[in-house]
Amino acid sequence: MNKLHDFKFNINEFNITPFFQSKEELRIRFGTEVFKGNIKTLEEIINYLFNRNEEIESTFIIGSKFNMQNEIKYNKIGLKSFFEITNWNEVLIESDDLEGTVVFATIGGLKPSGIFQYCKSIILGRIPQAYIMFYNNSFLLYISTDVLDIISKKEEDIIALKNNYSKIHTKYNA
């Protein structure tokens, strides 16, 4: 999770997605509906973000523990179908809003092809949505059933994405 801190958002504020915690010039958003008939563009974007000589990691909410419970209730988010998981690190974050603890997990050594297949399955409604981010040293991708958000550390990377995908990226909340 150390790489996440470089994107300058507060993971403890998980009720606010990283997109809304980032500066406007460092982010771009796509509505997932633009990819439903255009999966090739989704693959192109993911390859642009992650086909680099940089390790790819993912951090996601894997479970929760409420004050009345002594054990963690884990969510099944289906990552094993897309990734070979060999390392797993959990961090527990207290949540005053939920009156309990949220469990984040981080895995590493991911491949762009697995990220593409996972995102495609979320967009097509084949697997349940999870609070999940994929990232390397350059980009962070957040995916839900509604949006695909990208955050960069460099403004010029977002400018390039906005120029290349000007017809399909979301202009409001930009």
C-alpha atoms as a PDB file:
ATOM      1  CA  MET A   1       0.000   0.000   0.000  1.00  0.00           C
ATOM      2  CA  ASN A   2       3.003   2.308   0.106  1.00  0.00           C
ATOM      3  CA  LYS A   3       2.576   3.211  -3.578  1.00  0.00           C
ATOM      4  CA  LEU A   4      -0.952   4.422  -2.856  1.00  0.00           C
ATOM      5  CA  HIS A   5       0.313   7.247  -0.667  1.00  0.00           C
ATOM      6  CA  ASP A   6       2.128   8.714  -3.696  1.00  0.00           C
ATOM      7  CA  PHE A   7      -1.251   9.405  -5.333  1.00  0.00           C
ATOM      8  CA  LYS A   8      -2.101  11.811  -2.493  1.00  0.00           C
ATOM      9  CA  PHE A   9      -5.485  10.615  -1.347  1.00  0.00           C
ATOM     10  CA  ASN A  10      -6.616   9.326   2.013  1.00  0.00           C
ATOM     11  CA  ILE A  11      -7.522   5.646   1.935  1.00  0.00           C
ATOM     12  CA  ASN A  12      -9.192   6.077   5.339  1.00  0.00           C
ATOM     13  CA  GLU A  13     -11.832   8.128   3.487  1.00  0.00           C
ATOM     14  CA  PHE A  14     -13.038   5.085   1.557  1.00  0.00           C
ATOM     15  CA  ASN A  15     -16.560   6.518   1.363  1.00  0.00           C
ATOM     16  CA  ILE A  16     -15.040   9.135  -1.015  1.00  0.00           C
ATOM     17  CA  THR A  17     -13.429   7.559  -4.081  1.00  0.00           C
ATOM     18  CA  PRO A  18      -9.843   8.534  -4.954  1.00  0.00           C
ATOM     19  CA  PHE A  19     -11.196  10.479  -7.972  1.00  0.00           C
ATOM     20  CA  PHE A  20     -12.890  13.072  -5.779  1.00  0.00           C
ATOM     21  CA  GLN A  21      -9.848  13.345  -3.523  1.00  0.00           C
ATOM     22  CA  SER A  22      -7.517  14.091  -6.454  1.00  0.00           C
ATOM     23  CA  LYS A  23      -6.792  17.341  -8.262  1.00  0.00           C
ATOM     24  CA  GLU A  24      -8.819  17.840 -11.425  1.00  0.00           C
ATOM     25  CA  GLU A  25      -5.730  18.001 -13.641  1.00  0.00           C
ATOM     26  CA  LEU A  26      -4.542  14.594 -12.366  1.00  0.00           C
ATOM     27  CA  ARG A  27      -7.697  12.595 -13.070  1.00  0.00           C
ATOM     28  CA  ILE A  28      -9.963  11.337 -15.842  1.00  0.00           C
ATOM     29  CA  ARG A  29     -13.262   9.455 -15.631  1.00  0.00           C
ATOM     30  CA  PHE A  30     -15.086   7.170 -18.025  1.00  0.00           C
ATOM     31  CA  GLY A  31     -18.648   5.972 -17.600  1.00  0.00           C
ATOM     32  CA  THR A  32     -18.524   2.193 -17.931  1.00  0.00           C
ATOM     33  CA  GLU A  33     -21.382   2.253 -20.455  1.00  0.00           C
ATOM     34  CA  VAL A  34     -18.931   3.509 -23.119  1.00  0.00           C
ATOM     35  CA  PHE A  35     -17.063   0.201 -22.923  1.00  0.00           C
ATOM     36  CA  LYS A  36     -20.043  -2.165 -23.160  1.00  0.00           C
ATOM     37  CA  GLY A  37     -20.008  -2.113 -26.954  1.00  0.00           C
ATOM     38  CA  ASN A  38     -16.351  -1.194 -27.145  1.00  0.00           C
ATOM     39  CA  ILE A  39     -14.343  -3.630 -25.004  1.00  0.00           C
ATOM     40  CA  LYS A  40     -11.304  -3.182 -27.271  1.00  0.00           C
ATOM     41  CA  THR A  41     -10.974   0.437 -26.068  1.00  0.00           C
ATOM     42  CA  LEU A  42     -11.026  -0.751 -22.458  1.00  0.00           C
ATOM     43  CA  GLU A  43      -8.179  -3.147 -23.247  1.00  0.00           C
ATOM     44  CA  GLU A  44      -6.264  -0.381 -25.027  1.00  0.00           C
ATOM     45  CA  ILE A  45      -6.541   1.944 -22.017  1.00  0.00           C
ATOM     46  CA  ILE A  46      -5.502  -0.744 -19.531  1.00  0.00           C
ATOM     47  CA  ASN A  47      -2.504  -1.668 -21.675  1.00  0.00           C
ATOM     48  CA  TYR A  48      -1.507   2.000 -21.897  1.00  0.00           C
ATOM     49  CA  LEU A  49      -1.629   2.289 -18.101  1.00  0.00           C
ATOM     50  CA  PHE A  50      -0.030  -0.986 -17.115  1.00  0.00           C
ATOM     51  CA  ASN A  51       2.183  -2.333 -19.932  1.00  0.00           C
ATOM     52  CA  ARG A  52       5.315  -0.846 -18.383  1.00  0.00           C
ATOM     53  CA  ASN A  53       8.274  -2.189 -16.483  1.00  0.00           C
ATOM     54  CA  GLU A  54       6.568  -1.373 -13.202  1.00  0.00           C
ATOM     55  CA  GLU A  55       5.074  -3.728 -10.641  1.00  0.00           C
ATOM     56  CA  ILE A  56       1.286  -3.650 -10.566  1.00  0.00           C
ATOM     57  CA  GLU A  57      -0.541  -3.944  -7.261  1.00  0.00           C
ATOM     58  CA  SER A  58      -4.157  -3.903  -6.170  1.00  0.00           C
ATOM     59  CA  THR A  59      -5.736  -2.744  -2.940  1.00  0.00           C
ATOM     60  CA  PHE A  60      -9.348  -3.538  -2.157  1.00  0.00           C
ATOM     61  CA  ILE A  61     -11.834  -3.946   0.658  1.00  0.00           C
ATOM     62  CA  ILE A  62     -11.879  -7.609   1.555  1.00  0.00           C
ATOM     63  CA  GLY A  63     -13.965  -7.601   4.703  1.00  0.00           C
ATOM     64  CA  SER A  64     -15.238  -5.893   7.810  1.00  0.00           C
ATOM     65  CA  LYS A  65     -15.551  -6.352  11.517  1.00  0.00           C
ATOM     66  CA  PHE A  66     -18.226  -4.545  13.459  1.00  0.00           C
ATOM     67  CA  ASN A  67     -17.882  -3.657  17.106  1.00  0.00           C
ATOM     68  CA  MET A  68     -20.156  -6.467  18.250  1.00  0.00           C
ATOM     69  CA  GLN A  69     -18.212  -9.093  16.275  1.00  0.00           C
ATOM     70  CA  ASN A  70     -14.957 -10.697  17.291  1.00  0.00           C
ATOM     71  CA  GLU A  71     -14.095 -11.993  13.852  1.00  0.00           C
ATOM     72  CA  ILE A  72     -13.714 -10.528  10.406  1.00  0.00           C
ATOM     73  CA  LYS A  73     -16.472 -11.183   7.863  1.00  0.00           C
ATOM     74  CA  TYR A  74     -14.713 -11.637   4.518  1.00  0.00           C
ATOM     75  CA  ASN A  75     -16.267 -10.707   1.169  1.00  0.00           C
ATOM     76  CA  LYS A  76     -15.912 -12.901  -1.895  1.00  0.00           C
ATOM     77  CA  ILE A  77     -14.861 -10.667  -4.762  1.00  0.00           C
ATOM     78  CA  GLY A  78     -13.657 -13.306  -7.210  1.00  0.00           C
ATOM     79  CA  LEU A  79     -10.061 -12.205  -7.750  1.00  0.00           C
ATOM     80  CA  LYS A  80      -8.723 -15.767  -7.901  1.00  0.00           C
ATOM     81  CA  SER A  81     -10.439 -16.210 -11.267  1.00  0.00           C
ATOM     82  CA  PHE A  82      -8.286 -13.439 -12.755  1.00  0.00           C
ATOM     83  CA  PHE A  83      -5.018 -13.377 -10.821  1.00  0.00           C
ATOM     84  CA  GLU A  84      -2.514 -15.766  -9.349  1.00  0.00           C
ATOM     85  CA  ILE A  85      -2.425 -14.573  -5.763  1.00  0.00           C
ATOM     86  CA  THR A  86       0.832 -15.428  -4.066  1.00  0.00           C
ATOM     87  CA  ASN A  87       1.141 -12.576  -1.612  1.00  0.00           C
ATOM     88  CA  TRP A  88      -1.505 -10.946   0.519  1.00  0.00           C
ATOM     89  CA  ASN A  89      -1.226  -8.146   3.046  1.00  0.00           C
ATOM     90  CA  GLU A  90      -4.131  -6.964   5.192  1.00  0.00           C
ATOM     91  CA  VAL A  91      -4.560  -3.604   6.908  1.00  0.00           C
ATOM     92  CA  LEU A  92      -7.402  -2.888   9.321  1.00  0.00           C
ATOM     93  CA  ILE A  93      -8.815   0.642   9.282  1.00  0.00           C
ATOM     94  CA  GLU A  94     -11.210   1.858  11.954  1.00  0.00           C
ATOM     95  CA  SER A  95     -14.356   3.519  10.612  1.00  0.00           C
ATOM     96  CA  ASP A  96     -16.365   5.842  12.828  1.00  0.00           C
ATOM     97  CA  ASP A  97     -19.076   6.042  10.136  1.00  0.00           C
ATOM     98  CA  LEU A  98     -19.602   2.277  10.200  1.00  0.00           C
ATOM     99  CA  GLU A  99     -18.815   1.833  13.899  1.00  0.00           C
ATOM    100  CA  GLY A 100     -16.414  -0.927  13.029  1.00  0.00           C
ATOM    101  CA  THR A 101     -13.305  -1.883  11.118  1.00  0.00           C
ATOM    102  CA  VAL A 102     -12.789  -2.201   7.379  1.00  0.00           C
ATOM    103  CA  VAL A 103     -10.210  -4.691   6.141  1.00  0.00           C
ATOM    104  CA  PHE A 104      -8.147  -3.730   3.108  1.00  0.00           C
ATOM    105  CA  ALA A 105      -5.964  -6.270   1.333  1.00  0.00           C
ATOM    106  CA  THR A 106      -3.106  -5.614  -1.056  1.00  0.00           C
ATOM    107  CA  ILE A 107      -1.746  -8.036  -3.632  1.00  0.00           C
ATOM    108  CA  GLY A 108       1.130  -7.555  -6.062  1.00  0.00           C
ATOM    109  CA  GLY A 109       2.689  -9.019  -9.179  1.00  0.00           C
ATOM    110  CA  LEU A 110      -0.432  -8.504 -11.309  1.00  0.00           C
ATOM    111  CA  LYS A 111      -0.579  -8.591 -15.087  1.00  0.00           C
ATOM    112  CA  PRO A 112      -2.442  -6.147 -17.371  1.00  0.00           C
ATOM    113  CA  SER A 113      -4.343  -9.037 -18.985  1.00  0.00           C
ATOM    114  CA  GLY A 114      -5.834 -10.014 -15.619  1.00  0.00           C
ATOM    115  CA  ILE A 115      -6.806  -6.407 -14.892  1.00  0.00           C
ATOM    116  CA  PHE A 116      -8.508  -6.194 -18.281  1.00  0.00           C
ATOM    117  CA  GLN A 117     -10.450  -9.435 -17.723  1.00  0.00           C
ATOM    118  CA  TYR A 118     -11.486  -8.319 -14.210  1.00  0.00           C
ATOM    119  CA  CYS A 119     -12.619  -4.856 -15.392  1.00  0.00           C
ATOM    120  CA  LYS A 120     -14.463  -6.364 -18.352  1.00  0.00           C
ATOM    121  CA  SER A 121     -16.308  -8.735 -16.012  1.00  0.00           C
ATOM    122  CA  ILE A 122     -17.304  -5.855 -13.702  1.00  0.00           C
ATOM    123  CA  ILE A 123     -18.530  -3.745 -16.639  1.00  0.00           C
ATOM    124  CA  LEU A 124     -20.521  -6.634 -18.126  1.00  0.00           C
ATOM    125  CA  GLY A 125     -22.043  -7.477 -14.724  1.00  0.00           C
ATOM    126  CA  ARG A 126     -20.511 -10.946 -14.504  1.00  0.00           C
ATOM    127  CA  ILE A 127     -19.048 -10.477 -11.013  1.00  0.00           C
ATOM    128  CA  PRO A 128     -20.075  -8.340  -8.036  1.00  0.00           C
ATOM    129  CA  GLN A 129     -18.600  -4.882  -7.605  1.00  0.00           C
ATOM    130  CA  ALA A 130     -15.893  -4.344  -5.013  1.00  0.00           C
ATOM    131  CA  TYR A 131     -14.050  -1.261  -3.784  1.00  0.00           C
ATOM    132  CA  ILE A 132     -10.861  -1.959  -5.728  1.00  0.00           C
ATOM    133  CA  MET A 133      -7.903  -0.076  -7.170  1.00  0.00           C
ATOM    134  CA  PHE A 134      -5.086  -1.214  -9.463  1.00  0.00           C
ATOM    135  CA  TYR A 135      -1.899   0.834  -9.581  1.00  0.00           C
ATOM    136  CA  ASN A 136       1.738   1.049 -10.525  1.00  0.00           C
ATOM    137  CA  ASN A 137       4.265   3.865 -10.076  1.00  0.00           C
ATOM    138  CA  SER A 138       2.531   6.002 -12.720  1.00  0.00           C
ATOM    139  CA  PHE A 139      -1.227   5.393 -12.655  1.00  0.00           C
ATOM    140  CA  LEU A 140      -4.077   4.338 -10.388  1.00  0.00           C
ATOM    141  CA  LEU A 141      -7.250   2.804 -11.811  1.00  0.00           C
ATOM    142  CA  TYR A 142     -10.464   2.551  -9.763  1.00  0.00           C
ATOM    143  CA  ILE A 143     -13.301   0.475 -11.227  1.00  0.00           C
ATOM    144  CA  SER A 144     -16.962   0.147 -10.245  1.00  0.00           C
ATOM    145  CA  THR A 145     -20.064  -0.880 -12.153  1.00  0.00           C
ATOM    146  CA  ASP A 146     -20.618   2.796 -13.066  1.00  0.00           C
ATOM    147  CA  VAL A 147     -17.195   4.377 -13.595  1.00  0.00           C
ATOM    148  CA  LEU A 148     -13.593   3.729 -14.495  1.00  0.00           C
ATOM    149  CA  ASP A 149     -11.400   6.398 -12.887  1.00  0.00           C
ATOM    150  CA  ILE A 150      -7.738   6.998 -13.640  1.00  0.00           C
ATOM    151  CA  ILE A 151      -5.396   9.085 -11.536  1.00  0.00           C
ATOM    152  CA  SER A 152      -1.851  10.004 -12.504  1.00  0.00           C
ATOM    153  CA  LYS A 153       1.005  11.710 -10.735  1.00  0.00           C
ATOM    154  CA  LYS A 154       1.706  13.728 -13.896  1.00  0.00           C
ATOM    155  CA  GLU A 155      -0.660  16.198 -15.494  1.00  0.00           C
ATOM    156  CA  GLU A 156       0.731  15.500 -18.975  1.00  0.00           C
ATOM    157  CA  ASP A 157      -0.337  11.831 -18.712  1.00  0.00           C
ATOM    158  CA  ILE A 158      -3.943  12.863 -18.060  1.00  0.00           C
ATOM    159  CA  ILE A 159      -3.824  15.444 -20.852  1.00  0.00           C
ATOM    160  CA  ALA A 160      -2.710  12.683 -23.252  1.00  0.00           C
ATOM    161  CA  LEU A 161      -5.559  10.409 -22.113  1.00  0.00           C
ATOM    162  CA  LYS A 162      -8.116  13.223 -22.418  1.00  0.00           C
ATOM    163  CA  ASN A 163      -6.894  14.013 -25.927  1.00  0.00           C
ATOM    164  CA  ASN A 164      -6.836  10.374 -27.048  1.00  0.00           C
ATOM    165  CA  TYR A 165     -10.277   9.602 -25.601  1.00  0.00           C
ATOM    166  CA  SER A 166     -11.958  13.007 -25.914  1.00  0.00           C
ATOM    167  CA  LYS A 167     -15.138  11.522 -27.386  1.00  0.00           C
ATOM    168  CA  ILE A 168     -15.735   9.025 -24.581  1.00  0.00           C
ATOM    169  CA  HIS A 169     -14.345  10.376 -21.308  1.00  0.00           C
ATOM    170  CA  THR A 170     -16.745  12.059 -18.907  1.00  0.00           C
ATOM    171  CA  LYS A 171     -16.551  15.853 -19.044  1.00  0.00           C
ATOM    172  CA  TYR A 172     -18.626  16.595 -15.923  1.00  0.00           C
ATOM    173  CA  ASN A 173     -16.841  16.077 -12.596  1.00  0.00           C
ATOM    174  CA  ALA A 174     -13.681  16.304 -14.680  1.00  0.00           C
END
